Amino acid sequence: MESYQSLLGVITHFCTCCFIFQLFFQLRIKRTKENNK
């Protein structure tokens, strides 16, 4: 049961990193589009 708990923590951490990365990437794309106008 302990390994399952740690695995869940790793997956949650990974999803959080992916979520933050996507937000950061979208902000960069929006900025570049605005700068190109």
PDB file of N, CA and C in Angstrom:
ATOM      1  N   MET A   1       0.838  -1.201   0.000  1.00  0.00           N
ATOM      2  CA  MET A   1       0.000   0.000   0.000  1.00  0.00           C
ATOM      3  C   MET A   1       0.875   1.254   0.000  1.00  0.00           C
ATOM      4  N   GLU A   2       2.037   1.155   0.632  1.00  0.00           N
ATOM      5  CA  GLU A   2       2.932   2.313   0.709  1.00  0.00           C
ATOM      6  C   GLU A   2       3.452   2.699  -0.670  1.00  0.00           C
ATOM      7  N   SER A   3       3.790   1.685  -1.497  1.00  0.00           N
ATOM      8  CA  SER A   3       4.316   1.964  -2.837  1.00  0.00           C
ATOM      9  C   SER A   3       3.233   2.627  -3.696  1.00  0.00           C
ATOM     10  N   TYR A   4       1.979   2.216  -3.491  1.00  0.00           N
ATOM     11  CA  TYR A   4       0.863   2.799  -4.245  1.00  0.00           C
ATOM     12  C   TYR A   4       0.717   4.279  -3.897  1.00  0.00           C
ATOM     13  N   GLN A   5       0.897   4.594  -2.606  1.00  0.00           N
ATOM     14  CA  GLN A   5       0.766   5.984  -2.160  1.00  0.00           C
ATOM     15  C   GLN A   5       1.863   6.849  -2.778  1.00  0.00           C
ATOM     16  N   SER A   6       3.103   6.328  -2.802  1.00  0.00           N
ATOM     17  CA  SER A   6       4.217   7.091  -3.370  1.00  0.00           C
ATOM     18  C   SER A   6       4.030   7.242  -4.882  1.00  0.00           C
ATOM     19  N   LEU A   7       3.514   6.197  -5.525  1.00  0.00           N
ATOM     20  CA  LEU A   7       3.282   6.252  -6.968  1.00  0.00           C
ATOM     21  C   LEU A   7       2.238   7.320  -7.282  1.00  0.00           C
ATOM     22  N   LEU A   8       1.198   7.386  -6.459  1.00  0.00           N
ATOM     23  CA  LEU A   8       0.148   8.390  -6.638  1.00  0.00           C
ATOM     24  C   LEU A   8       0.742   9.790  -6.489  1.00  0.00           C
ATOM     25  N   GLY A   9       1.673   9.945  -5.541  1.00  0.00           N
ATOM     26  CA  GLY A   9       2.320  11.241  -5.333  1.00  0.00           C
ATOM     27  C   GLY A   9       3.137  11.641  -6.548  1.00  0.00           C
ATOM     28  N   VAL A  10       3.851  10.685  -7.133  1.00  0.00           N
ATOM     29  CA  VAL A  10       4.666  10.967  -8.320  1.00  0.00           C
ATOM     30  C   VAL A  10       3.774  11.378  -9.484  1.00  0.00           C
ATOM     31  N   ILE A  11       2.669  10.659  -9.681  1.00  0.00           N
ATOM     32  CA  ILE A  11       1.747  10.968 -10.783  1.00  0.00           C
ATOM     33  C   ILE A  11       1.141  12.358 -10.591  1.00  0.00           C
ATOM     34  N   THR A  12       0.754  12.674  -9.344  1.00  0.00           N
ATOM     35  CA  THR A  12       0.173  13.989  -9.061  1.00  0.00           C
ATOM     36  C   THR A  12       1.193  15.080  -9.347  1.00  0.00           C
ATOM     37  N   HIS A  13       2.441  14.857  -8.919  1.00  0.00           N
ATOM     38  CA  HIS A  13       3.514  15.824  -9.146  1.00  0.00           C
ATOM     39  C   HIS A  13       3.747  16.014 -10.640  1.00  0.00           C
ATOM     40  N   PHE A  14       3.732  14.917 -11.391  1.00  0.00           N
ATOM     41  CA  PHE A  14       3.957  14.960 -12.838  1.00  0.00           C
ATOM     42  C   PHE A  14       2.843  15.739 -13.529  1.00  0.00           C
ATOM     43  N   CYS A  15       1.591  15.470 -13.132  1.00  0.00           N
ATOM     44  CA  CYS A  15       0.440  16.164 -13.735  1.00  0.00           C
ATOM     45  C   CYS A  15       0.515  17.658 -13.441  1.00  0.00           C
ATOM     46  N   THR A  16       0.921  18.005 -12.204  1.00  0.00           N
ATOM     47  CA  THR A  16       1.023  19.418 -11.836  1.00  0.00           C
ATOM     48  C   THR A  16       2.077  20.106 -12.689  1.00  0.00           C
ATOM     49  N   CYS A  17       3.221  19.430 -12.890  1.00  0.00           N
ATOM     50  CA  CYS A  17       4.291  20.004 -13.716  1.00  0.00           C
ATOM     51  C   CYS A  17       3.795  20.209 -15.147  1.00  0.00           C
ATOM     52  N   CYS A  18       3.090  19.224 -15.688  1.00  0.00           N
ATOM     53  CA  CYS A  18       2.572  19.322 -17.057  1.00  0.00           C
ATOM     54  C   CYS A  18       1.586  20.474 -17.165  1.00  0.00           C
ATOM     55  N   PHE A  19       0.735  20.630 -16.157  1.00  0.00           N
ATOM     56  CA  PHE A  19      -0.279  21.687 -16.158  1.00  0.00           C
ATOM     57  C   PHE A  19       0.382  23.063 -16.156  1.00  0.00           C
ATOM     58  N   ILE A  20       1.389  23.245 -15.281  1.00  0.00           N
ATOM     59  CA  ILE A  20       2.101  24.522 -15.202  1.00  0.00           C
ATOM     60  C   ILE A  20       2.832  24.788 -16.514  1.00  0.00           C
ATOM     61  N   PHE A  21       3.447  23.752 -17.090  1.00  0.00           N
ATOM     62  CA  PHE A  21       4.180  23.903 -18.351  1.00  0.00           C
ATOM     63  C   PHE A  21       3.240  24.334 -19.468  1.00  0.00           C
ATOM     64  N   GLN A  22       2.033  23.744 -19.518  1.00  0.00           N
ATOM     65  CA  GLN A  22       1.059  24.108 -20.558  1.00  0.00           C
ATOM     66  C   GLN A  22       0.637  25.563 -20.407  1.00  0.00           C
ATOM     67  N   LEU A  23       0.365  25.995 -19.179  1.00  0.00           N
ATOM     68  CA  LEU A  23      -0.036  27.389 -18.944  1.00  0.00           C
ATOM     69  C   LEU A  23       1.074  28.328 -19.397  1.00  0.00           C
ATOM     70  N   PHE A  24       2.315  28.013 -19.011  1.00  0.00           N
ATOM     71  CA  PHE A  24       3.468  28.832 -19.377  1.00  0.00           C
ATOM     72  C   PHE A  24       3.621  28.894 -20.891  1.00  0.00           C
ATOM     73  N   PHE A  25       3.445  27.753 -21.564  1.00  0.00           N
ATOM     74  CA  PHE A  25       3.593  27.679 -23.018  1.00  0.00           C
ATOM     75  C   PHE A  25       2.515  28.506 -23.710  1.00  0.00           C
ATOM     76  N   GLN A  26       1.266  28.423 -23.214  1.00  0.00           N
ATOM     77  CA  GLN A  26       0.166  29.188 -23.810  1.00  0.00           C
ATOM     78  C   GLN A  26       0.407  30.683 -23.652  1.00  0.00           C
ATOM     79  N   LEU A  27       0.918  31.097 -22.498  1.00  0.00           N
ATOM     80  CA  LEU A  27       1.204  32.517 -22.275  1.00  0.00           C
ATOM     81  C   LEU A  27       2.270  32.996 -23.254  1.00  0.00           C
ATOM     82  N   ARG A  28       3.294  32.190 -23.482  1.00  0.00           N
ATOM     83  CA  ARG A  28       4.359  32.564 -24.418  1.00  0.00           C
ATOM     84  C   ARG A  28       3.806  32.709 -25.830  1.00  0.00           C
ATOM     85  N   ILE A  29       2.927  31.797 -26.245  1.00  0.00           N
ATOM     86  CA  ILE A  29       2.346  31.854 -27.597  1.00  0.00           C
ATOM     87  C   ILE A  29       1.509  33.123 -27.740  1.00  0.00           C
ATOM     88  N   LYS A  30       0.725  33.450 -26.709  1.00  0.00           N
ATOM     89  CA  LYS A  30      -0.106  34.655 -26.762  1.00  0.00           C
ATOM     90  C   LYS A  30       0.773  35.893 -26.889  1.00  0.00           C
ATOM     91  N   ARG A  31       1.867  35.930 -26.134  1.00  0.00           N
ATOM     92  CA  ARG A  31       2.766  37.088 -26.180  1.00  0.00           C
ATOM     93  C   ARG A  31       3.389  37.236 -27.560  1.00  0.00           C
ATOM     94  N   THR A  32       3.835  36.147 -28.151  1.00  0.00           N
ATOM     95  CA  THR A  32       4.477  36.223 -29.473  1.00  0.00           C
ATOM     96  C   THR A  32       3.469  36.674 -30.516  1.00  0.00           C
ATOM     97  N   LYS A  33       2.226  36.205 -30.419  1.00  0.00           N
ATOM     98  CA  LYS A  33       1.203  36.616 -31.388  1.00  0.00           C
ATOM     99  C   LYS A  33       0.929  38.113 -31.264  1.00  0.00           C
ATOM    100  N   GLU A  34       0.888  38.616 -30.034  1.00  0.00           N
ATOM    101  CA  GLU A  34       0.631  40.044 -29.825  1.00  0.00           C
ATOM    102  C   GLU A  34       1.801  40.876 -30.333  1.00  0.00           C
ATOM    103  N   ASN A  35       3.010  40.380 -30.158  1.00  0.00           N
ATOM    104  CA  ASN A  35       4.196  41.124 -30.604  1.00  0.00           C
ATOM    105  C   ASN A  35       4.293  41.170 -32.123  1.00  0.00           C
ATOM    106  N   ASN A  36       3.763  40.153 -32.798  1.00  0.00           N
ATOM    107  CA  ASN A  36       3.867  40.095 -34.258  1.00  0.00           C
ATOM    108  C   ASN A  36       2.895  41.046 -34.942  1.00  0.00           C
ATOM    109  N   LYS A  37       1.866  41.504 -34.231  1.00  0.00           N
ATOM    110  CA  LYS A  37       0.866  42.381 -34.855  1.00  0.00           C
ATOM    111  C   LYS A  37       1.473  43.723 -35.229  1.00  0.00           C
TER     112      LYS A  37
END
